[in-house]
Amino acid sequence: MRLKDVFRGLIVVTSILVVLEAPLRAVYHYDLSHLPFDLDLLTSALFGADLCWKLYLAWRQDRTQSPGVAMRKYLRGWFWLDLLTAIPFHLIILDLYALQTARLAHLVRYLQVLRGARIFHSLQELRNSRPARTILPGILRLILFAFWALIGTHWIACGWLALSNQQGTDLVESYIAALYWTVTTLSTVGYGDITPANSAQRIYAMIVMMLGVGAYTFVIGNVASVLGSLDFARSQLQEKQDRLMRFLRRRHVPEALQIQIADYFTYLIDHEKGYEERQLLSGLPHALYSEISLHLHFDLLKQVPFLQNADERLIRELVERLEAAVYPPDTFVFRKGDHGNSMFFISKGSVDITSGDGSILYATLHAGQFFGEMALLLKQPRTASVRAREFCELYELKRGAFRLVTDRYREFRREMEKKARERQKAAARRSK
């Protein structure tokens, strides 16, 4: 992990602590000495260092691009918030108390609450960071929503404490009571065991009630939307399964075959295979599509003997043309005598190489292996049957795609076809 990422994480944690602690300090006016005082010093130092770092980054960016553009953008954006949160308010408050200006000191104390606004900039940077960009958007939205809900509840509770004049009372007990009132009011439950005692509290309670009604509607709608987006492929597959099963029952398809189809859809749903790989990646630029395909399938293709010494450009073009397929247990991928026009790579599961009727087992192939390669090079029927032992995830490379790519590598293809004919003759001699 880079030092820059560690520092960014430290700024985010500090911002969260500030947004939680600042309203409590404004309400309870507890002593600024010792630990809180040290935390204030550390906070100001960290936020000040972050401010200097961002100014340096803007200046460095201006040296490589248009002069002054990055600096002006920062100065017109987050600079003033970063500057405000770096001010050491605790030192100002202590100096004001020393000068016997308590009223001004109280004003500055409430200004210190504005340091909590630093959380907005910190979270924006966190969302733009590399680790956050790898999280599913729906999951990230749900996490941020829960975070803001907790922060909002905390601040509303602190507002209730400020109107209740809780100075001198037990901090923990009074805060828990305020938090309890906030949750019951926002959730529109309102047991009535804690009630407003003056006009200010009544006005505040009415505002919180209206926020609660709106928040309740917003929560239900957003959570349903997020969960729906997370399970979009699953819901589509389940709907497709329901329609297909109704169709099979109306046509009186044998129950055993219906169960086999139901098991197939269950596997697709459980393993998130309800999409076509090429269709899913088709919206990406060709360069990114090629890189992802190469990452996913390069090792599979390099297992094939006649591709081990092939040019990497050839491998790259072939992996872009692989097509994914899932085969249920005891399903024949192809049978002996079928016209062969493709080869297969096993990504997950295993298959049996058998005689035409499946009664004789010749071999068992597992993940990382391949079969049917002769069909790419020679026009001949399948010499054996291949049956899935369990749910198998395969990648198919068709002859048309193979020949389209190798047309640009004719010498390579002629050499491969020559080797394939030699292997075919050798197999024929052995069979005699």
Protein backbone atom coordinates (compact mmCIF):
# COMPACT_ATOMS: atom_id res chain seq x y z
CA MET A 1 0.00 0.00 0.00
CA ARG A 2 1.34 3.41 -0.96
CA LEU A 3 2.02 6.12 1.61
CA LYS A 4 -0.42 8.41 -0.22
CA ASP A 5 -3.24 5.91 0.27
CA VAL A 6 -2.41 5.54 3.97
CA PHE A 7 -2.50 9.33 4.40
CA ARG A 8 -5.83 9.56 2.54
CA GLY A 9 -7.28 6.86 4.79
CA LEU A 10 -6.03 8.73 7.87
CA ILE A 11 -7.73 11.93 6.66
CA VAL A 12 -11.02 10.05 6.14
CA VAL A 13 -10.89 8.50 9.63
CA THR A 14 -10.05 11.89 11.17
CA SER A 15 -12.93 13.53 9.29
CA ILE A 16 -15.35 10.90 10.63
CA LEU A 17 -14.11 11.46 14.20
CA VAL A 18 -14.53 15.22 13.79
CA VAL A 19 -18.05 15.00 12.39
CA LEU A 20 -19.03 12.81 15.37
CA GLU A 21 -17.20 14.68 18.12
CA ALA A 22 -17.66 18.34 17.11
CA PRO A 23 -21.44 18.60 17.85
CA LEU A 24 -21.00 16.78 21.17
CA ARG A 25 -18.37 19.28 22.25
CA ALA A 26 -20.61 22.19 21.24
CA VAL A 27 -23.43 20.76 23.35
CA TYR A 28 -21.60 19.62 26.49
CA HIS A 29 -18.78 22.23 26.60
CA TYR A 30 -16.46 19.69 28.20
CA ASP A 31 -12.89 20.48 29.17
CA LEU A 32 -10.49 21.20 26.30
CA SER A 33 -7.42 20.02 28.20
CA HIS A 34 -5.56 16.74 27.85
CA LEU A 35 -6.97 14.26 25.31
CA PRO A 36 -9.48 16.45 23.40
CA PHE A 37 -6.91 19.23 23.24
CA ASP A 38 -4.31 16.84 21.82
CA LEU A 39 -6.83 15.50 19.30
CA ASP A 40 -7.56 19.05 18.16
CA LEU A 41 -3.88 19.72 17.64
CA LEU A 42 -3.50 16.50 15.66
CA THR A 43 -6.62 17.24 13.58
CA SER A 44 -5.46 20.73 12.67
CA ALA A 45 -2.01 19.41 11.78
CA LEU A 46 -3.43 16.65 9.55
CA PHE A 47 -5.92 18.91 7.79
CA GLY A 48 -3.22 21.57 7.35
CA ALA A 49 -0.83 19.02 5.84
CA ASP A 50 -3.61 17.82 3.53
CA LEU A 51 -4.28 21.40 2.44
CA CYS A 52 -0.59 21.92 1.62
CA TRP A 53 -0.48 18.60 -0.25
CA LYS A 54 -3.45 19.55 -2.44
CA LEU A 55 -1.92 22.95 -3.20
CA TYR A 56 1.30 21.18 -4.20
CA LEU A 57 -0.59 18.73 -6.44
CA ALA A 58 -2.41 21.60 -8.16
CA TRP A 59 0.89 23.46 -8.67
CA ARG A 60 2.58 20.33 -10.06
CA GLN A 61 -0.33 19.69 -12.40
CA ASP A 62 -0.08 23.27 -13.67
CA ARG A 63 3.58 22.67 -14.56
CA THR A 64 2.67 19.85 -16.94
CA GLN A 65 -0.60 21.29 -18.31
CA SER A 66 -2.11 24.74 -18.77
CA PRO A 67 -0.62 27.14 -16.19
CA GLY A 68 -2.95 28.07 -13.36
CA VAL A 69 -5.90 25.89 -14.44
CA ALA A 70 -5.61 23.25 -11.69
CA MET A 71 -4.81 25.85 -9.03
CA ARG A 72 -7.80 28.02 -9.97
CA LYS A 73 -10.05 24.98 -9.99
CA TYR A 74 -8.98 24.03 -6.47
CA LEU A 75 -9.18 27.60 -5.14
CA ARG A 76 -12.72 27.94 -6.50
CA GLY A 77 -13.73 24.54 -5.16
CA TRP A 78 -12.75 22.74 -1.97
CA PHE A 79 -9.94 25.09 -0.91
CA TRP A 80 -12.02 27.28 1.41
CA LEU A 81 -13.58 24.32 3.18
CA ASP A 82 -10.15 22.71 3.61
CA LEU A 83 -8.78 25.99 4.95
CA LEU A 84 -11.66 26.43 7.40
CA THR A 85 -11.27 22.92 8.80
CA ALA A 86 -7.51 23.40 9.28
CA ILE A 87 -7.98 26.41 11.60
CA PRO A 88 -7.02 25.52 15.23
CA PHE A 89 -10.24 26.77 16.87
CA HIS A 90 -9.26 25.35 20.28
CA LEU A 91 -6.32 27.78 20.53
CA ILE A 92 -8.59 30.70 19.60
CA ILE A 93 -11.13 29.65 22.24
CA LEU A 94 -8.47 29.40 24.96
CA ASP A 95 -7.11 32.85 24.06
CA LEU A 96 -10.61 34.35 24.18
CA TYR A 97 -11.27 32.86 27.61
CA ALA A 98 -7.94 34.27 28.75
CA LEU A 99 -9.08 37.71 27.53
CA GLN A 100 -12.36 37.35 29.51
CA THR A 101 -14.52 37.31 26.34
CA ALA A 102 -16.61 34.22 27.06
CA ARG A 103 -19.48 35.23 24.76
CA LEU A 104 -17.17 35.39 21.73
CA ALA A 105 -15.55 32.16 22.84
CA HIS A 106 -18.97 30.45 22.73
CA LEU A 107 -19.50 31.77 19.19
CA VAL A 108 -16.15 30.38 18.06
CA ARG A 109 -17.02 27.08 19.76
CA TYR A 110 -20.08 26.75 17.55
CA LEU A 111 -18.05 27.75 14.50
CA GLN A 112 -15.83 24.78 15.31
CA VAL A 113 -18.77 22.53 14.43
CA LEU A 114 -18.20 23.57 10.80
CA ARG A 115 -15.08 21.39 10.83
CA GLY A 116 -17.45 18.46 10.44
CA ALA A 117 -18.15 19.63 6.88
CA ARG A 118 -14.70 18.27 5.98
CA ILE A 119 -16.35 14.86 5.70
CA PHE A 120 -17.93 15.83 2.35
CA HIS A 121 -14.55 16.39 0.69
CA SER A 122 -13.00 13.34 2.34
CA LEU A 123 -15.78 11.02 1.17
CA GLN A 124 -15.64 12.40 -2.36
CA GLU A 125 -11.92 11.58 -2.47
CA LEU A 126 -12.62 8.15 -1.02
CA ARG A 127 -15.22 7.42 -3.72
CA ASN A 128 -12.69 8.41 -6.39
CA SER A 129 -9.97 6.20 -4.90
CA ARG A 130 -8.93 2.91 -6.50
CA PRO A 131 -10.30 0.57 -3.76
CA ALA A 132 -13.73 2.26 -3.79
CA ARG A 133 -13.98 2.04 -7.60
CA THR A 134 -13.69 -1.75 -7.41
CA ILE A 135 -16.80 -2.04 -5.19
CA LEU A 136 -20.11 -2.78 -6.90
CA PRO A 137 -21.96 0.55 -7.39
CA GLY A 138 -25.09 -0.76 -5.68
CA ILE A 139 -23.12 -1.96 -2.66
CA LEU A 140 -21.27 1.36 -2.45
CA ARG A 141 -24.53 3.31 -2.59
CA LEU A 142 -25.97 1.17 0.20
CA ILE A 143 -22.87 1.68 2.38
CA LEU A 144 -22.87 5.46 1.86
CA PHE A 145 -26.60 5.66 2.50
CA ALA A 146 -26.24 3.79 5.80
CA PHE A 147 -23.30 6.03 6.76
CA TRP A 148 -25.19 9.28 6.10
CA ALA A 149 -28.24 7.94 7.93
CA LEU A 150 -26.13 7.28 11.04
CA ILE A 151 -24.42 10.67 10.83
CA GLY A 152 -27.76 12.45 10.40
CA THR A 153 -29.26 10.61 13.37
CA HIS A 154 -26.25 11.58 15.52
CA TRP A 155 -26.50 15.27 14.60
CA ILE A 156 -30.26 15.42 15.19
CA ALA A 157 -29.72 13.85 18.62
CA CYS A 158 -27.08 16.48 19.39
CA GLY A 159 -29.53 19.21 18.30
CA TRP A 160 -32.11 17.84 20.76
CA LEU A 161 -29.48 17.88 23.50
CA ALA A 162 -28.61 21.49 22.70
CA LEU A 163 -32.28 22.51 23.12
CA SER A 164 -32.59 20.46 26.32
CA ASN A 165 -29.76 22.28 28.16
CA GLN A 166 -27.93 19.11 29.23
CA GLN A 167 -24.93 20.76 30.87
CA GLY A 168 -23.96 19.10 34.12
CA THR A 169 -25.90 15.89 33.38
CA ASP A 170 -24.42 12.46 32.69
CA LEU A 171 -23.09 12.56 29.13
CA VAL A 172 -23.71 8.92 28.23
CA GLU A 173 -27.22 8.66 29.68
CA SER A 174 -28.43 11.94 28.20
CA TYR A 175 -26.95 11.13 24.77
CA ILE A 176 -28.58 7.68 24.70
CA ALA A 177 -31.93 9.26 25.64
CA ALA A 178 -31.56 11.84 22.86
CA LEU A 179 -30.57 9.15 20.36
CA TYR A 180 -33.59 7.09 21.43
CA TRP A 181 -35.90 10.08 20.89
CA THR A 182 -34.35 10.73 17.46
CA VAL A 183 -34.76 7.15 16.25
CA THR A 184 -38.38 6.85 17.45
CA THR A 185 -39.28 10.22 15.91
CA LEU A 186 -37.54 9.64 12.57
CA SER A 187 -39.05 6.15 12.28
CA THR A 188 -42.50 7.71 12.93
CA VAL A 189 -43.02 5.42 15.95
CA GLY A 190 -43.00 8.11 18.66
CA TYR A 191 -43.79 6.38 21.95
CA GLY A 192 -44.31 9.72 23.70
CA ASP A 193 -42.18 8.90 26.76
CA ILE A 194 -39.85 11.82 25.85
CA THR A 195 -41.80 14.94 24.92
CA PRO A 196 -40.89 18.57 24.08
CA ALA A 197 -40.82 20.85 27.11
CA ASN A 198 -40.78 24.26 25.42
CA SER A 199 -41.63 25.97 22.15
CA ALA A 200 -38.15 25.58 20.68
CA GLN A 201 -38.24 21.82 21.26
CA ARG A 202 -41.75 21.56 19.80
CA ILE A 203 -40.70 23.37 16.63
CA TYR A 204 -37.60 21.17 16.42
CA ALA A 205 -39.70 18.03 16.97
CA MET A 206 -42.12 19.02 14.18
CA ILE A 207 -39.22 19.57 11.78
CA VAL A 208 -37.73 16.16 12.69
CA MET A 209 -41.15 14.51 12.24
CA MET A 210 -41.47 15.93 8.74
CA LEU A 211 -37.93 14.81 7.98
CA GLY A 212 -38.82 11.37 9.33
CA VAL A 213 -41.80 10.98 7.00
CA GLY A 214 -39.70 12.01 4.00
CA ALA A 215 -36.74 9.90 5.11
CA TYR A 216 -38.95 6.84 5.62
CA THR A 217 -40.26 7.08 2.05
CA PHE A 218 -36.76 7.78 0.72
CA VAL A 219 -35.26 4.82 2.63
CA ILE A 220 -37.83 2.31 1.40
CA GLY A 221 -37.54 3.47 -2.21
CA ASN A 222 -33.74 3.59 -2.29
CA VAL A 223 -33.14 0.32 -0.47
CA ALA A 224 -35.57 -1.45 -2.80
CA SER A 225 -33.86 0.16 -5.81
CA VAL A 226 -30.37 -0.80 -4.62
CA LEU A 227 -31.33 -4.37 -3.79
CA GLY A 228 -33.12 -4.66 -7.12
CA SER A 229 -30.05 -3.47 -9.02
CA LEU A 230 -27.84 -5.90 -7.10
CA ASP A 231 -30.08 -8.82 -8.04
CA PHE A 232 -31.06 -7.75 -11.56
CA ALA A 233 -29.55 -10.80 -13.32
CA ARG A 234 -31.04 -13.15 -10.71
CA SER A 235 -34.56 -11.71 -11.09
CA GLN A 236 -34.32 -11.90 -14.89
CA LEU A 237 -33.27 -15.55 -14.75
CA GLN A 238 -36.00 -16.44 -12.27
CA GLU A 239 -38.61 -14.80 -14.49
CA LYS A 240 -37.27 -16.68 -17.52
CA GLN A 241 -37.31 -19.94 -15.54
CA ASP A 242 -40.93 -19.40 -14.47
CA ARG A 243 -42.08 -18.78 -18.05
CA LEU A 244 -40.18 -21.79 -19.37
CA MET A 245 -41.43 -24.15 -16.65
CA ARG A 246 -45.04 -23.10 -17.31
CA PHE A 247 -44.50 -23.76 -21.03
CA LEU A 248 -43.03 -27.22 -20.34
CA ARG A 249 -45.92 -28.18 -18.07
CA ARG A 250 -48.48 -27.08 -20.68
CA ARG A 251 -46.71 -29.22 -23.30
CA HIS A 252 -46.53 -32.21 -20.91
CA VAL A 253 -42.74 -32.51 -21.08
CA PRO A 254 -41.54 -35.48 -18.96
CA GLU A 255 -41.02 -34.58 -15.31
CA ALA A 256 -37.42 -35.84 -15.30
CA LEU A 257 -36.53 -33.42 -18.08
CA GLN A 258 -38.33 -30.58 -16.26
CA ILE A 259 -36.26 -31.28 -13.13
CA GLN A 260 -33.07 -31.28 -15.18
CA ILE A 261 -33.95 -27.88 -16.66
CA ALA A 262 -34.88 -26.53 -13.21
CA ASP A 263 -31.49 -27.68 -11.86
CA TYR A 264 -29.78 -25.95 -14.76
CA PHE A 265 -31.43 -22.61 -13.96
CA THR A 266 -30.70 -23.05 -10.25
CA TYR A 267 -27.01 -23.43 -11.08
CA LEU A 268 -27.06 -20.34 -13.29
CA ILE A 269 -28.72 -18.28 -10.54
CA ASP A 270 -26.48 -19.52 -7.72
CA HIS A 271 -23.27 -19.00 -9.70
CA GLU A 272 -24.31 -15.72 -11.36
CA LYS A 273 -24.10 -17.14 -14.86
CA GLY A 274 -27.22 -15.45 -16.14
CA TYR A 275 -25.45 -13.41 -18.75
CA GLU A 276 -23.45 -13.91 -21.90
CA GLU A 277 -19.84 -12.89 -21.41
CA ARG A 278 -19.39 -11.40 -24.85
CA GLN A 279 -22.68 -9.55 -24.62
CA LEU A 280 -21.78 -8.17 -21.18
CA LEU A 281 -18.37 -6.90 -22.33
CA SER A 282 -19.49 -5.74 -25.75
CA GLY A 283 -19.99 -2.13 -24.65
CA LEU A 284 -16.33 -1.73 -23.67
CA PRO A 285 -13.72 -0.21 -25.98
CA HIS A 286 -11.89 -2.85 -27.98
CA ALA A 287 -8.63 -2.34 -26.07
CA LEU A 288 -10.30 -2.98 -22.68
CA TYR A 289 -12.33 -5.89 -24.07
CA SER A 290 -9.14 -7.44 -25.39
CA GLU A 291 -7.30 -7.00 -22.07
CA ILE A 292 -10.13 -8.58 -20.05
CA SER A 293 -10.47 -11.50 -22.46
CA LEU A 294 -6.73 -12.08 -22.39
CA HIS A 295 -6.71 -12.05 -18.59
CA LEU A 296 -9.62 -14.50 -18.39
CA HIS A 297 -8.62 -17.03 -21.03
CA PHE A 298 -4.94 -16.72 -21.92
CA ASP A 299 -3.86 -19.64 -19.70
CA LEU A 300 -6.57 -21.88 -21.18
CA LEU A 301 -5.40 -21.34 -24.75
CA LYS A 302 -1.73 -21.75 -23.91
CA GLN A 303 -2.54 -25.31 -22.75
CA VAL A 304 -3.19 -26.34 -26.39
CA PRO A 305 0.00 -27.89 -27.83
CA PHE A 306 -0.28 -26.30 -31.28
CA LEU A 307 -0.76 -22.84 -29.70
CA GLN A 308 2.08 -22.96 -27.16
CA ASN A 309 4.57 -21.32 -29.53
CA ALA A 310 2.03 -19.10 -31.26
CA ASP A 311 2.41 -15.34 -31.52
CA GLU A 312 0.77 -13.53 -28.60
CA ARG A 313 -1.19 -11.39 -31.06
CA LEU A 314 -2.77 -14.55 -32.44
CA ILE A 315 -3.67 -15.72 -28.91
CA ARG A 316 -5.14 -12.29 -28.13
CA GLU A 317 -7.41 -12.42 -31.19
CA LEU A 318 -8.54 -15.97 -30.42
CA VAL A 319 -9.52 -15.27 -26.80
CA GLU A 320 -11.81 -12.49 -28.01
CA ARG A 321 -13.80 -15.10 -29.93
CA LEU A 322 -14.36 -17.64 -27.15
CA GLU A 323 -18.01 -18.28 -26.30
CA ALA A 324 -19.10 -19.36 -22.81
CA ALA A 325 -21.52 -22.24 -22.20
CA VAL A 326 -22.78 -24.24 -19.19
CA TYR A 327 -23.60 -27.98 -19.46
CA PRO A 328 -25.61 -29.82 -16.75
CA PRO A 329 -24.52 -33.25 -15.41
CA ASP A 330 -24.90 -36.23 -17.78
CA THR A 331 -25.40 -33.91 -20.76
CA PHE A 332 -23.51 -34.77 -23.95
CA VAL A 333 -21.42 -31.88 -25.25
CA PHE A 334 -21.27 -33.80 -28.53
CA ARG A 335 -21.57 -37.44 -29.64
CA LYS A 336 -19.39 -39.69 -31.73
CA GLY A 337 -20.05 -39.15 -35.42
CA ASP A 338 -21.32 -35.56 -35.03
CA HIS A 339 -19.98 -33.01 -37.46
CA GLY A 340 -17.10 -31.28 -35.70
CA ASN A 341 -16.75 -27.53 -36.05
CA SER A 342 -15.32 -26.37 -32.70
CA MET A 343 -13.10 -27.21 -29.75
CA PHE A 344 -13.78 -26.70 -26.04
CA PHE A 345 -11.82 -25.50 -23.00
CA ILE A 346 -12.88 -26.56 -19.50
CA SER A 347 -13.08 -23.64 -17.11
CA LYS A 348 -14.86 -25.46 -14.28
CA GLY A 349 -16.02 -29.04 -13.77
CA SER A 350 -15.02 -32.25 -15.59
CA VAL A 351 -16.09 -34.31 -18.60
CA ASP A 352 -15.86 -37.98 -19.64
CA ILE A 353 -14.54 -39.04 -23.02
CA THR A 354 -16.64 -42.09 -23.90
CA SER A 355 -17.71 -44.36 -26.72
CA GLY A 356 -20.64 -43.40 -28.93
CA ASP A 357 -23.33 -44.71 -26.55
CA GLY A 358 -21.42 -43.69 -23.42
CA SER A 359 -20.91 -47.25 -22.18
CA ILE A 360 -17.08 -47.23 -22.40
CA LEU A 361 -15.03 -44.59 -20.54
CA TYR A 362 -11.77 -43.63 -22.27
CA ALA A 363 -10.62 -40.71 -20.14
CA THR A 364 -11.74 -37.93 -17.77
CA LEU A 365 -10.72 -34.33 -18.33
CA HIS A 366 -10.78 -31.61 -15.66
CA ALA A 367 -10.61 -27.80 -15.39
CA GLY A 368 -7.74 -26.35 -17.43
CA GLN A 369 -7.86 -29.11 -20.06
CA PHE A 370 -9.42 -29.10 -23.54
CA PHE A 371 -10.94 -31.43 -26.14
CA GLY A 372 -12.16 -31.46 -29.74
CA GLU A 373 -9.13 -29.60 -31.09
CA MET A 374 -8.91 -31.69 -34.29
CA ALA A 375 -12.19 -30.15 -35.47
CA LEU A 376 -10.50 -26.78 -35.82
CA LEU A 377 -7.91 -28.12 -38.23
CA LEU A 378 -9.55 -30.99 -40.10
CA LYS A 379 -13.06 -31.53 -41.41
CA GLN A 380 -13.92 -34.87 -39.85
CA PRO A 381 -16.66 -36.34 -37.64
CA ARG A 382 -16.18 -36.59 -33.89
CA THR A 383 -14.26 -39.72 -32.98
CA ALA A 384 -15.73 -40.03 -29.47
CA SER A 385 -18.54 -38.72 -27.27
CA VAL A 386 -18.02 -36.18 -24.50
CA ARG A 387 -20.38 -36.10 -21.51
CA ALA A 388 -20.40 -33.70 -18.53
CA ARG A 389 -19.81 -35.43 -15.19
CA GLU A 390 -21.17 -32.42 -13.25
CA PHE A 391 -22.09 -28.85 -14.04
CA CYS A 392 -19.37 -27.76 -16.45
CA GLU A 393 -18.44 -24.26 -17.54
CA LEU A 394 -16.85 -24.49 -20.99
CA TYR A 395 -15.49 -22.06 -23.55
CA GLU A 396 -16.06 -22.89 -27.19
CA LEU A 397 -13.81 -21.82 -30.06
CA LYS A 398 -15.53 -22.36 -33.42
CA ARG A 399 -13.71 -23.24 -36.62
CA GLY A 400 -15.05 -20.21 -38.47
CA ALA A 401 -13.59 -17.83 -35.86
CA PHE A 402 -10.33 -19.79 -35.78
CA ARG A 403 -9.92 -19.68 -39.57
CA LEU A 404 -10.85 -16.00 -39.69
CA VAL A 405 -8.01 -15.21 -37.28
CA THR A 406 -5.44 -17.60 -38.75
CA ASP A 407 -6.04 -16.26 -42.27
CA ARG A 408 -3.58 -13.56 -41.24
CA TYR A 409 -1.13 -16.22 -40.02
CA ARG A 410 -1.19 -18.61 -42.98
CA GLU A 411 2.23 -20.14 -42.33
CA PHE A 412 1.19 -20.96 -38.77
CA ARG A 413 -2.07 -22.57 -39.96
CA ARG A 414 -0.37 -24.66 -42.66
CA GLU A 415 2.08 -25.98 -40.07
CA MET A 416 -0.73 -26.82 -37.66
CA GLU A 417 -2.78 -28.60 -40.33
CA LYS A 418 0.28 -30.60 -41.33
CA LYS A 419 0.80 -31.73 -37.73
CA ALA A 420 -2.88 -32.56 -37.39
CA ARG A 421 -2.79 -34.83 -40.46
CA GLU A 422 0.28 -36.57 -39.10
CA ARG A 423 -1.52 -37.18 -35.81
CA GLN A 424 -4.57 -38.44 -37.68
CA LYS A 425 -2.49 -40.95 -39.69
CA ALA A 426 -0.67 -42.11 -36.57
CA ALA A 427 -4.01 -42.67 -34.78
CA ALA A 428 -5.31 -44.61 -37.77
CA ARG A 429 -2.22 -46.86 -37.75
CA ARG A 430 -2.62 -47.51 -34.03
CA SER A 431 -6.27 -48.46 -34.48
CA LYS A 432 -5.26 -51.11 -37.00
